[in-house]
Amino acid sequence: MMNLSAPAIAVRGLRVSRGGAEVLHGLTFEVPRGQVTGLLGPSGCGKTTLMRAVVGVQVVSGGEVTVLGEPAGSAGLRRRIGYSTQSPAVYRDLTVLENLRYFAAVLGAPKDDPERVLAEVGLADAAHQLGATLSGGQLNRAGLAVAMLGRPELLVLDEPTVGLDPVLRQELWALFHRLAERGATLLVSSHVMDEAARCERLVVLRQGEILADDTPDGLRGRTRTSDLEEAFLRLIAERAAA
């Protein structure tokens, strides 16, 4: 029986090395169920590596990652997690709808799921466009649509709003919160600090370490500023002075 009080993601002492250098330095944090948690930090801080560890496709050198009550990478998690990478896995010689029908068949998702997710990500008008003709923003939305097939319990979204105009970004964040209201858990990465305010909880990374794990209001209170970008800069200064 599922323990709904347990976190969706529990990371304990996670270490990852690449090329002989450690890139994640003993991270420990939790992601609550049914919320939108933001993974914030500048490019190169380790966000993608951490997300890969959560999904179970990253070799780790220490620590443990538990996802939906199972070790990350377990076979039983494959249909319970949706993962959208920075480079969406979309076949360029297929239309958007053909891509979604293919991935829906692989996942065993309902037959009407492709049309559902196309509408939810605002891509219905491009259903019959070839992947090769999509803009960067359309590719991002197509990758998000693939991740949403089958209504996964956990969505891990790596920079899903990069290259999107402000209106579409706002629409997607509204969608993220609707998904959370339905019971899904979302871990969303971004290097744009103004997106921090759209999250219910924040894990702030820099150089492979956690600077903060708090709500936006808690982060504002801790740094005594209403501006979350300024809060991030104060966290860096605080760490440097320690």
Foldseek 3Di string as FASTA:
>chain_A
DFDLQDFQKFWFQWWADDPNHIQAGGDTDTFHWLFEEEEEEAPSQCLVVVLCLQQPNGDTDDTFMAGSRHGHPDPVCPLQEFEFELQAPAQQAAFLLVRLQVLCVVSVFDNCLSVVLCVLLVNNVRRRPGNVPDDSLNSLSSSVSSSCTRNHQEYEYEASCPPHDPVSVVSVLVSVNVSSVVTHGYYYYDHDQVCLLSGQWYFYTGSNYTLDTGGLVVLCVVQVHNRRVVSVVSSVVVVVVD
